[in-house]
Amino acid sequence: MPSPQQFPRILASFLVFVLPQVLAGCREKPQEVATPAATAQSAPVVPPVEVEFPGTWIKLGQSQVDNKRAGYKVPKAGADTEDAELIVLFFGTGSQGDPDKNFNDWLSQFDGNAAAGATRSSFESAAGKVDTVEFFGTYKVGLGPAVGPKKKSPMQMVKDKWRLYAAVIHTKDRGNWFYKMVGPDETVQSAKGAMETALKAAK
């Protein structure tokens, strides 16, 4: 241990040799922290097609990011004991928005060769051309996640005398927008005219 007489000499050595190096290090530009490359910007949100459905249809929800953009409960009509459901779907502007693919997927939820027996028609709207598909038969409602090559639920509830009425609006710059109504026959038939009227006025 240094004696008290040696402390002044040690302190002087520190000030002469060590302190300048410390100060120089403080003046150096600090090393920049590497940052990850900027991530690609998210795809812009596509403005939805504006459609006004009847006020008696109960809106179940709305989204700007999911494929399912909105849902409606269509009140039962006549002797039907269940409501129908209308869902609004948007799959982007890629191949997932192909009308034939989606129509055939929905028709495959019915027994038999529904695609061959379905009725197709078209009309014009302010938002673009509208293609529709309609089918009546035995509908199978999936009770679990779709699995396998055919993307079907292993558990299903069978609904007899159900009807599908679906449409797609082909817009010029907002992709294809889909409207799928399915439910008891009488309810869907009674609501079909109101759905067509709403789609014709779409903008």
Protein backbone atom coordinates (compact mmCIF):
# COMPACT_ATOMS: atom_id res chain seq x y z
CA MET A 1 0.00 0.00 0.00
CA PRO A 2 1.52 3.39 -0.92
CA SER A 3 2.52 5.70 1.85
CA PRO A 4 0.86 9.08 2.35
CA GLN A 5 3.96 10.76 0.92
CA GLN A 6 3.49 8.86 -2.39
CA PHE A 7 -0.16 9.92 -3.06
CA PRO A 8 0.68 13.29 -4.67
CA ARG A 9 3.03 11.61 -7.16
CA ILE A 10 0.43 8.93 -8.07
CA LEU A 11 -2.27 11.55 -8.56
CA ALA A 12 -0.02 13.57 -10.84
CA SER A 13 0.70 10.49 -12.98
CA PHE A 14 -3.03 9.86 -13.32
CA LEU A 15 -3.72 13.40 -14.45
CA VAL A 16 -0.89 13.36 -16.99
CA PHE A 17 -1.37 9.93 -18.60
CA VAL A 18 -4.88 8.60 -17.88
CA LEU A 19 -7.17 11.62 -17.81
CA PRO A 20 -6.42 12.78 -21.43
CA GLN A 21 -7.37 9.32 -22.76
CA VAL A 22 -10.63 9.37 -20.85
CA LEU A 23 -11.51 12.80 -22.20
CA ALA A 24 -10.62 11.78 -25.75
CA GLY A 25 -12.91 8.78 -25.49
CA CYS A 26 -15.74 11.02 -24.41
CA ARG A 27 -15.27 13.25 -27.49
CA GLU A 28 -15.48 10.32 -29.91
CA LYS A 29 -18.76 9.85 -31.72
CA PRO A 30 -20.71 7.10 -29.97
CA GLN A 31 -21.13 3.92 -31.96
CA GLU A 32 -24.51 3.80 -33.67
CA VAL A 33 -26.78 0.99 -32.68
CA ALA A 34 -27.69 -1.20 -35.64
CA THR A 35 -31.39 -1.04 -36.40
CA PRO A 36 -33.35 -3.61 -38.38
CA ALA A 37 -34.31 -2.70 -41.90
CA ALA A 38 -37.60 -0.90 -42.17
CA THR A 39 -40.47 -3.30 -42.61
CA ALA A 40 -42.61 -3.06 -45.68
CA GLN A 41 -45.58 -0.81 -45.23
CA SER A 42 -48.89 -2.51 -44.71
CA ALA A 43 -51.15 -2.71 -47.71
CA PRO A 44 -53.49 0.28 -47.83
CA VAL A 45 -57.03 -0.28 -46.62
CA VAL A 46 -59.39 -0.52 -49.58
CA PRO A 47 -62.45 1.73 -49.18
CA PRO A 48 -65.52 -0.49 -48.79
CA VAL A 49 -68.43 -0.54 -51.18
CA GLU A 50 -71.29 1.39 -49.63
CA VAL A 51 -74.47 -0.69 -49.42
CA GLU A 52 -77.55 0.22 -47.35
CA PHE A 53 -79.44 -2.90 -46.28
CA PRO A 54 -82.91 -2.72 -44.69
CA GLY A 55 -83.02 -1.28 -41.19
CA THR A 56 -84.83 -4.39 -39.94
CA TRP A 57 -81.70 -6.47 -40.65
CA ILE A 58 -79.66 -6.56 -37.46
CA LYS A 59 -76.01 -5.69 -37.94
CA LEU A 60 -73.75 -8.18 -36.14
CA GLY A 61 -70.40 -6.50 -36.59
CA GLN A 62 -68.06 -4.63 -38.90
CA SER A 63 -64.34 -4.79 -39.71
CA GLN A 64 -61.88 -3.07 -42.02
CA VAL A 65 -59.18 -5.74 -41.90
CA ASP A 66 -60.73 -9.22 -41.79
CA ASN A 67 -62.09 -11.05 -44.83
CA LYS A 68 -65.47 -10.90 -43.14
CA ARG A 69 -66.20 -7.18 -43.28
CA ALA A 70 -69.74 -7.21 -41.89
CA GLY A 71 -72.55 -9.50 -40.84
CA TYR A 72 -76.33 -9.17 -40.65
CA LYS A 73 -79.12 -11.25 -39.14
CA VAL A 74 -82.07 -11.38 -41.52
CA PRO A 75 -85.25 -11.90 -39.45
CA LYS A 76 -87.16 -15.10 -40.15
CA ALA A 77 -90.23 -14.89 -42.35
CA GLY A 78 -93.39 -16.94 -42.83
CA ALA A 79 -93.31 -20.36 -41.19
CA ASP A 80 -89.51 -20.44 -40.82
CA THR A 81 -88.21 -20.95 -37.29
CA GLU A 82 -84.69 -19.59 -37.85
CA ASP A 83 -83.18 -16.36 -39.10
CA ALA A 84 -81.03 -16.14 -42.20
CA GLU A 85 -77.56 -14.61 -42.18
CA LEU A 86 -75.89 -12.25 -44.62
CA ILE A 87 -72.13 -11.76 -44.53
CA VAL A 88 -70.06 -9.24 -46.48
CA LEU A 89 -66.66 -10.54 -47.60
CA PHE A 90 -63.59 -9.01 -49.19
CA PHE A 91 -60.54 -11.11 -50.06
CA GLY A 92 -58.30 -8.43 -51.51
CA THR A 93 -57.49 -7.95 -55.16
CA GLY A 94 -55.62 -11.25 -55.63
CA SER A 95 -56.73 -14.75 -56.56
CA GLN A 96 -58.70 -15.17 -53.31
CA GLY A 97 -61.20 -12.72 -54.72
CA ASP A 98 -62.08 -14.98 -57.66
CA PRO A 99 -65.90 -15.16 -57.96
CA ASP A 100 -66.10 -18.69 -59.38
CA LYS A 101 -63.85 -20.04 -56.64
CA ASN A 102 -65.91 -18.53 -53.84
CA PHE A 103 -69.28 -19.36 -55.38
CA ASN A 104 -68.22 -22.98 -55.86
CA ASP A 105 -66.90 -23.17 -52.29
CA TRP A 106 -70.27 -22.02 -50.97
CA LEU A 107 -72.22 -24.33 -53.26
CA SER A 108 -70.10 -27.27 -52.08
CA GLN A 109 -71.68 -26.79 -48.64
CA PHE A 110 -74.89 -28.24 -50.10
CA ASP A 111 -75.62 -31.89 -50.84
CA GLY A 112 -75.33 -33.08 -54.42
CA ASN A 113 -73.87 -31.28 -57.41
CA ALA A 114 -75.08 -27.83 -56.42
CA ALA A 115 -72.72 -26.07 -58.82
CA ALA A 116 -74.46 -27.70 -61.77
CA GLY A 117 -77.96 -26.91 -60.52
CA ALA A 118 -77.39 -23.36 -59.33
CA THR A 119 -79.12 -20.42 -60.97
CA ARG A 120 -76.90 -17.54 -62.08
CA SER A 121 -77.83 -14.05 -63.17
CA SER A 122 -76.36 -10.55 -63.33
CA PHE A 123 -77.36 -6.88 -63.22
CA GLU A 124 -75.69 -3.49 -63.05
CA SER A 125 -75.08 -1.22 -60.09
CA ALA A 126 -73.46 2.18 -59.60
CA ALA A 127 -70.44 0.40 -58.09
CA GLY A 128 -70.03 -2.09 -60.96
CA LYS A 129 -71.45 -5.24 -62.49
CA VAL A 130 -73.13 -7.67 -60.07
CA ASP A 131 -73.14 -11.44 -60.59
CA THR A 132 -75.41 -13.63 -58.46
CA VAL A 133 -75.78 -17.32 -57.70
CA GLU A 134 -78.75 -19.07 -56.07
CA PHE A 135 -79.39 -22.62 -54.89
CA PHE A 136 -81.96 -24.47 -52.79
CA GLY A 137 -81.31 -27.77 -51.06
CA THR A 138 -79.79 -29.46 -48.01
CA TYR A 139 -77.18 -27.28 -46.36
CA LYS A 140 -74.47 -28.54 -44.04
CA VAL A 141 -73.31 -26.14 -41.37
CA GLY A 142 -69.78 -26.80 -40.11
CA LEU A 143 -69.47 -27.08 -36.32
CA GLY A 144 -65.68 -26.98 -36.20
CA PRO A 145 -62.62 -25.82 -38.15
CA ALA A 146 -62.39 -26.92 -41.77
CA VAL A 147 -59.77 -29.62 -42.35
CA GLY A 148 -58.53 -31.90 -45.12
CA PRO A 149 -58.13 -31.30 -48.85
CA LYS A 150 -61.81 -30.42 -49.24
CA LYS A 151 -61.68 -27.97 -46.34
CA LYS A 152 -64.75 -29.34 -44.58
CA SER A 153 -65.59 -29.55 -40.91
CA PRO A 154 -65.60 -33.12 -39.51
CA MET A 155 -68.79 -32.23 -37.60
CA GLN A 156 -71.76 -30.79 -39.44
CA MET A 157 -75.35 -29.82 -38.77
CA VAL A 158 -77.72 -30.63 -41.61
CA LYS A 159 -80.31 -28.02 -42.60
CA ASP A 160 -83.05 -29.14 -44.96
CA LYS A 161 -84.79 -26.71 -47.31
CA TRP A 162 -82.20 -23.99 -47.04
CA ARG A 163 -81.36 -21.47 -49.72
CA LEU A 164 -78.20 -19.65 -50.75
CA TYR A 165 -78.37 -16.31 -52.49
CA ALA A 166 -74.95 -14.78 -53.06
CA ALA A 167 -73.60 -11.92 -55.13
CA VAL A 168 -70.33 -10.28 -56.09
CA ILE A 169 -69.86 -6.66 -57.12
CA HIS A 170 -67.01 -6.19 -59.59
CA THR A 171 -65.65 -2.72 -58.86
CA LYS A 172 -63.17 -0.91 -61.07
CA ASP A 173 -60.63 -0.02 -58.40
CA ARG A 174 -61.74 -1.69 -55.14
CA GLY A 175 -61.64 -5.36 -56.07
CA ASN A 176 -64.54 -7.81 -55.82
CA TRP A 177 -66.95 -7.55 -52.89
CA PHE A 178 -69.03 -10.59 -51.93
CA TYR A 179 -72.43 -10.86 -50.25
CA LYS A 180 -73.51 -14.29 -49.04
CA MET A 181 -77.00 -14.81 -47.67
CA VAL A 182 -77.95 -18.29 -46.49
CA GLY A 183 -80.82 -19.53 -44.37
CA PRO A 184 -84.30 -21.07 -44.40
CA ASP A 185 -85.92 -21.05 -47.83
CA GLU A 186 -88.88 -18.75 -47.18
CA THR A 187 -86.78 -16.19 -45.29
CA VAL A 188 -84.12 -15.95 -47.99
CA GLN A 189 -86.69 -15.74 -50.77
CA SER A 190 -88.55 -12.95 -48.98
CA ALA A 191 -85.29 -11.02 -48.41
CA LYS A 192 -83.81 -11.54 -51.86
CA GLY A 193 -85.60 -8.58 -53.44
CA ALA A 194 -84.41 -6.18 -50.73
CA MET A 195 -80.86 -7.45 -51.13
CA GLU A 196 -80.97 -6.90 -54.91
CA THR A 197 -82.35 -3.39 -54.42
CA ALA A 198 -79.55 -2.56 -51.97
CA LEU A 199 -76.86 -3.94 -54.30
CA LYS A 200 -78.22 -2.03 -57.31
CA ALA A 201 -77.85 1.18 -55.30
CA ALA A 202 -74.33 0.28 -54.10
CA LYS A 203 -71.68 2.92 -54.64
